Amino acid sequence: MIGIGERVECTPKVRQAIKGASYIEWRRTVLVPRQEYSRELKLAAMREIDSGKGMAEVARMYQLSPKRLETWRSEWRAKGELAFPGKGAQPQSKLNADRISELERKIGQQAMEIDF
């Protein structure tokens, strides 16, 4: 069996071994890296579009597909400056909710300590 993280050549024999695997499993098996774009690049592209430049022009300028820009634009329009948080980043409201939960637990513990 082919393990995740092992480098494998995509030969007909390998294709047969992973036949029926989903596309995501196939990408992991042959280690095709997923393209990642920085938040700064995404914001710069969105600002170019907002300034009136055409989708195709911006796509050529940043060497991106127009479809990718459309995806980014829908997120940009929905979330504004909060769009594209990146890996592991959480919206401020989620961070606040986590902090509130933590503080409520501490208050509860202290109340129990005072009662005893």
Protein backbone atom coordinates (compact mmCIF):
# COMPACT_ATOMS: atom_id res chain seq x y z
CA MET A 1 0.00 0.00 0.00
CA ILE A 2 1.20 3.50 -0.77
CA GLY A 3 1.54 5.70 2.30
CA ILE A 4 0.83 9.39 2.50
CA GLY A 5 3.98 11.38 2.02
CA GLU A 6 5.74 8.79 -0.12
CA ARG A 7 6.93 9.99 -3.51
CA VAL A 8 5.54 7.83 -6.30
CA GLU A 9 5.82 7.99 -10.05
CA CYS A 10 2.47 8.01 -11.80
CA THR A 11 2.81 5.00 -14.07
CA PRO A 12 0.00 2.81 -15.39
CA LYS A 13 0.75 0.33 -12.59
CA VAL A 14 0.42 3.06 -9.94
CA ARG A 15 -2.76 4.34 -11.56
CA GLN A 16 -4.18 0.83 -11.31
CA ALA A 17 -3.19 0.65 -7.62
CA ILE A 18 -5.05 3.83 -6.82
CA LYS A 19 -7.96 3.18 -9.19
CA GLY A 20 -11.16 4.28 -7.57
CA ALA A 21 -9.40 6.73 -5.27
CA SER A 22 -10.85 10.20 -5.12
CA TYR A 23 -9.03 13.06 -6.77
CA ILE A 24 -7.84 14.38 -3.41
CA GLU A 25 -6.43 10.97 -2.46
CA TRP A 26 -4.71 10.78 -5.84
CA ARG A 27 -3.10 14.22 -5.37
CA ARG A 28 -1.83 13.20 -1.94
CA THR A 29 -0.44 9.95 -3.32
CA VAL A 30 1.58 11.49 -6.11
CA LEU A 31 2.50 14.56 -4.06
CA VAL A 32 1.21 17.17 -6.45
CA PRO A 33 1.62 20.33 -4.39
CA ARG A 34 -1.40 22.54 -3.99
CA GLN A 35 -0.79 26.06 -5.20
CA GLU A 36 -0.94 28.61 -2.38
CA TYR A 37 -1.25 32.35 -2.73
CA SER A 38 -0.46 34.96 -0.12
CA ARG A 39 -3.15 37.16 1.37
CA GLU A 40 -1.30 40.20 0.05
CA LEU A 41 -1.47 38.90 -3.55
CA LYS A 42 -5.20 38.19 -3.22
CA LEU A 43 -5.90 41.63 -1.76
CA ALA A 44 -3.81 43.35 -4.43
CA ALA A 45 -5.69 41.51 -7.18
CA MET A 46 -9.06 42.40 -5.63
CA ARG A 47 -8.10 46.06 -5.33
CA GLU A 48 -7.11 46.06 -9.01
CA ILE A 49 -10.53 44.67 -9.92
CA ASP A 50 -12.24 47.21 -7.65
CA SER A 51 -10.31 50.02 -9.35
CA GLY A 52 -12.07 49.17 -12.61
CA LYS A 53 -9.66 46.84 -14.38
CA GLY A 54 -11.15 43.87 -16.16
CA MET A 55 -11.01 40.34 -14.80
CA ALA A 56 -8.97 39.07 -17.77
CA GLU A 57 -6.50 41.95 -17.50
CA VAL A 58 -5.90 41.31 -13.79
CA ALA A 59 -5.64 37.56 -14.44
CA ARG A 60 -2.91 38.18 -17.02
CA MET A 61 -1.14 40.70 -14.80
CA TYR A 62 -0.90 38.26 -11.87
CA GLN A 63 -0.69 35.11 -14.04
CA LEU A 64 -3.84 33.62 -12.51
CA SER A 65 -6.90 31.99 -14.00
CA PRO A 66 -10.00 34.16 -14.28
CA LYS A 67 -11.97 31.42 -12.49
CA ARG A 68 -9.66 31.65 -9.47
CA LEU A 69 -10.14 35.44 -9.43
CA GLU A 70 -13.92 34.96 -9.55
CA THR A 71 -13.72 32.69 -6.51
CA TRP A 72 -11.59 35.21 -4.64
CA ARG A 73 -13.89 38.07 -5.69
CA SER A 74 -16.96 36.33 -4.26
CA GLU A 75 -15.16 35.89 -0.92
CA TRP A 76 -13.91 39.48 -1.08
CA ARG A 77 -17.42 40.83 -1.67
CA ALA A 78 -18.89 38.68 1.09
CA LYS A 79 -16.29 39.41 3.77
CA GLY A 80 -14.43 42.56 2.71
CA GLU A 81 -11.17 43.13 4.59
CA LEU A 82 -11.78 39.99 6.68
CA ALA A 83 -11.48 37.83 3.56
CA PHE A 84 -8.49 35.52 3.06
CA PRO A 85 -7.48 34.93 6.70
CA GLY A 86 -4.83 32.35 5.77
CA LYS A 87 -3.89 29.11 7.46
CA GLY A 88 -4.83 28.84 11.09
CA ALA A 89 -6.08 32.38 11.34
CA GLN A 90 -9.43 32.76 13.02
CA PRO A 91 -11.83 35.65 12.72
CA GLN A 92 -11.72 38.00 15.68
CA SER A 93 -15.23 36.98 16.76
CA LYS A 94 -14.10 33.34 17.10
CA LEU A 95 -11.07 34.41 19.13
CA ASN A 96 -13.28 36.55 21.35
CA ALA A 97 -15.75 33.69 21.86
CA ASP A 98 -12.92 31.35 22.85
CA ARG A 99 -11.55 33.92 25.30
CA ILE A 100 -14.99 34.49 26.82
CA SER A 101 -15.46 30.74 27.31
CA GLU A 102 -12.06 30.49 28.99
CA LEU A 103 -12.82 33.40 31.34
CA GLU A 104 -16.26 31.97 32.22
CA ARG A 105 -14.62 28.65 33.18
CA LYS A 106 -12.16 30.49 35.42
CA ILE A 107 -14.96 32.44 37.09
CA GLY A 108 -16.85 29.20 37.71
CA GLN A 109 -13.77 27.57 39.22
CA GLN A 110 -13.13 30.57 41.48
CA ALA A 111 -16.77 30.63 42.59
CA MET A 112 -16.50 26.97 43.56
CA GLU A 113 -13.27 27.64 45.50
CA ILE A 114 -14.91 30.50 47.40
CA ASP A 115 -17.92 28.32 48.33
CA PHE A 116 -15.66 25.72 49.98
